[in-house]
């Protein structure tokens, strides 16, 4: 499910609701411009760039937790990015990819799956799925996407 949240469904079936190609987080944001990623909307007036920065920051904490490192519960700083220019948007997307790959390795190589480790891994999947849905909802609201 981690792969599906970020890379999309592995075949004609899905754990999520849409098995279409291009429905994972990477493909969902791939064609967006920095301007689109920086448009505010929704109940919290968030931006897609903000969601991506938040997800990237959260993935770092999940990876560290799976490696047995202490992590902060303060997520406030993960919402500090709201607008990006072209270079910043490219960097943010690259960071998301790097952090996802690190989490994937941490999940694959984790040896002892106790309640805490399972909670971290399942929480990371649920969190990514939530933000994927939030971003897809934002895309439906973008005036420049119609």
Protein backbone atom coordinates (compact mmCIF):
# COMPACT_ATOMS: atom_id res chain seq x y z
CA UNK A 1 0.00 0.00 0.00
CA UNK A 2 2.95 2.33 0.53
CA UNK A 3 3.96 1.85 -3.10
CA UNK A 4 0.39 2.40 -4.25
CA UNK A 5 0.07 5.67 -2.33
CA UNK A 6 3.18 7.11 -3.93
CA UNK A 7 3.70 5.27 -7.22
CA UNK A 8 0.13 4.23 -8.02
CA UNK A 9 -1.58 0.85 -8.27
CA UNK A 10 0.64 -2.09 -9.20
CA UNK A 11 -1.86 -3.56 -11.64
CA UNK A 12 -5.56 -3.72 -12.48
CA UNK A 13 -6.58 -3.92 -8.79
CA UNK A 14 -6.14 -1.45 -5.97
CA UNK A 15 -6.33 -1.05 -2.22
CA UNK A 16 -7.55 2.47 -2.89
CA UNK A 17 -10.58 3.41 -4.98
CA UNK A 18 -8.99 4.28 -8.32
CA UNK A 19 -6.93 1.71 -10.22
CA UNK A 20 -6.30 4.05 -13.14
CA UNK A 21 -2.70 4.75 -14.15
CA UNK A 22 -1.30 7.98 -12.77
CA UNK A 23 -3.24 7.98 -9.52
CA UNK A 24 -0.32 7.80 -7.08
CA UNK A 25 1.10 10.90 -5.44
CA UNK A 26 4.07 11.25 -7.80
CA UNK A 27 1.97 11.11 -10.97
CA UNK A 28 -0.73 13.31 -9.44
CA UNK A 29 1.70 16.19 -8.91
CA UNK A 30 4.07 15.54 -11.83
CA UNK A 31 2.48 17.90 -14.34
CA UNK A 32 1.71 20.72 -11.95
CA UNK A 33 3.44 24.06 -12.28
CA UNK A 34 4.86 25.92 -9.30
CA UNK A 35 2.03 28.43 -9.69
CA UNK A 36 -0.60 25.68 -9.48
CA UNK A 37 1.19 24.05 -6.53
CA UNK A 38 1.16 27.42 -4.74
CA UNK A 39 -2.54 28.24 -5.20
CA UNK A 40 -4.39 28.41 -1.88
CA UNK A 41 -7.72 26.71 -1.40
CA UNK A 42 -9.83 24.35 0.60
CA UNK A 43 -10.97 24.73 4.19
CA UNK A 44 -7.50 25.51 5.56
CA UNK A 45 -6.42 27.62 2.58
CA UNK A 46 -3.52 25.23 2.10
CA UNK A 47 -1.49 24.70 -1.04
CA UNK A 48 -0.42 21.54 -2.79
CA UNK A 49 3.19 22.60 -2.18
CA UNK A 50 2.34 22.79 1.51
CA UNK A 51 0.88 19.28 1.46
CA UNK A 52 3.97 17.91 -0.29
CA UNK A 53 6.34 19.60 2.17
CA UNK A 54 4.25 18.27 5.06
CA UNK A 55 4.21 14.71 3.69
CA UNK A 56 7.97 14.82 3.04
CA UNK A 57 8.63 16.03 6.57
CA UNK A 58 6.38 13.36 8.04
CA UNK A 59 8.06 10.62 6.02
CA UNK A 60 11.42 11.65 7.47
CA UNK A 61 10.03 11.16 10.97
CA UNK A 62 8.51 7.78 10.09
CA UNK A 63 11.80 6.59 8.61
CA UNK A 64 13.71 7.71 11.69
CA UNK A 65 11.21 6.02 13.98
CA UNK A 66 11.56 2.73 12.09
CA UNK A 67 15.32 3.01 12.49
CA UNK A 68 14.86 3.33 16.24
CA UNK A 69 15.69 7.03 16.44
CA UNK A 70 13.80 9.42 18.69
CA UNK A 71 11.54 11.77 16.77
CA UNK A 72 9.73 14.97 17.58
CA UNK A 73 5.96 15.01 17.78
CA UNK A 74 5.94 18.67 16.72
CA UNK A 75 4.54 18.76 13.20
CA UNK A 76 3.99 22.54 13.13
CA UNK A 77 7.13 23.23 11.12
CA UNK A 78 6.04 20.81 8.42
CA UNK A 79 3.50 23.38 7.20
CA UNK A 80 5.95 26.26 6.76
CA UNK A 81 6.16 25.98 2.96
CA UNK A 82 3.16 27.35 1.12
CA UNK A 83 4.49 28.88 -2.09
CA UNK A 84 7.26 27.77 -4.40
CA UNK A 85 8.98 28.97 -7.55
CA UNK A 86 9.90 26.56 -10.36
CA UNK A 87 13.20 25.53 -8.78
CA UNK A 88 11.63 25.18 -5.34
CA UNK A 89 8.82 23.03 -6.73
CA UNK A 90 11.28 20.75 -8.53
CA UNK A 91 13.33 20.46 -5.33
CA UNK A 92 10.24 19.68 -3.26
CA UNK A 93 9.17 16.92 -5.65
CA UNK A 94 12.70 15.47 -5.66
CA UNK A 95 12.78 15.57 -1.85
CA UNK A 96 9.45 13.72 -1.69
CA UNK A 97 10.87 11.01 -3.95
CA UNK A 98 14.07 10.69 -1.86
CA UNK A 99 12.20 10.54 1.44
CA UNK A 100 9.74 7.98 0.07
CA UNK A 101 12.61 5.80 -1.15
CA UNK A 102 14.27 6.02 2.28
CA UNK A 103 11.01 5.04 3.99
CA UNK A 104 10.53 2.17 1.54
CA UNK A 105 13.98 0.80 2.40
CA UNK A 106 13.33 1.26 6.13
CA UNK A 107 10.08 -0.70 5.85
CA UNK A 108 11.66 -3.44 3.72
CA UNK A 109 14.63 -3.91 6.04
CA UNK A 110 12.91 -3.48 9.41
CA UNK A 111 13.54 -6.65 11.41
CA UNK A 112 11.24 -6.58 14.45
CA UNK A 113 7.63 -5.65 13.76
CA UNK A 114 6.27 -4.80 17.19
CA UNK A 115 3.19 -2.66 17.81
CA UNK A 116 5.16 0.59 17.59
CA UNK A 117 6.81 -0.28 14.28
CA UNK A 118 3.51 -1.43 12.77
CA UNK A 119 1.88 1.78 13.94
CA UNK A 120 4.59 3.87 12.30
CA UNK A 121 4.37 2.02 8.98
CA UNK A 122 0.58 1.89 8.85
CA UNK A 123 0.38 5.49 9.99
CA UNK A 124 2.72 6.58 7.19
CA UNK A 125 0.53 4.80 4.63
CA UNK A 126 -2.71 6.25 6.00
CA UNK A 127 -1.17 9.71 6.22
CA UNK A 128 0.09 9.60 2.63
CA UNK A 129 -3.29 8.31 1.42
CA UNK A 130 -5.09 11.13 3.21
CA UNK A 131 -2.88 13.80 1.65
CA UNK A 132 -3.13 12.14 -1.77
CA UNK A 133 -6.90 12.50 -1.48
CA UNK A 134 -6.63 16.08 -0.25
CA UNK A 135 -4.35 16.98 -3.15
CA UNK A 136 -6.64 15.34 -5.68
CA UNK A 137 -9.55 17.33 -4.23
CA UNK A 138 -7.49 20.52 -4.53
CA UNK A 139 -6.71 19.69 -8.17
CA UNK A 140 -10.42 19.47 -8.87
CA UNK A 141 -10.79 23.02 -7.49
CA UNK A 142 -7.88 24.65 -9.33
CA UNK A 143 -9.17 27.19 -11.84
CA UNK A 144 -6.13 26.59 -14.03
CA UNK A 145 -6.86 22.86 -14.30
CA UNK A 146 -10.14 23.23 -16.17
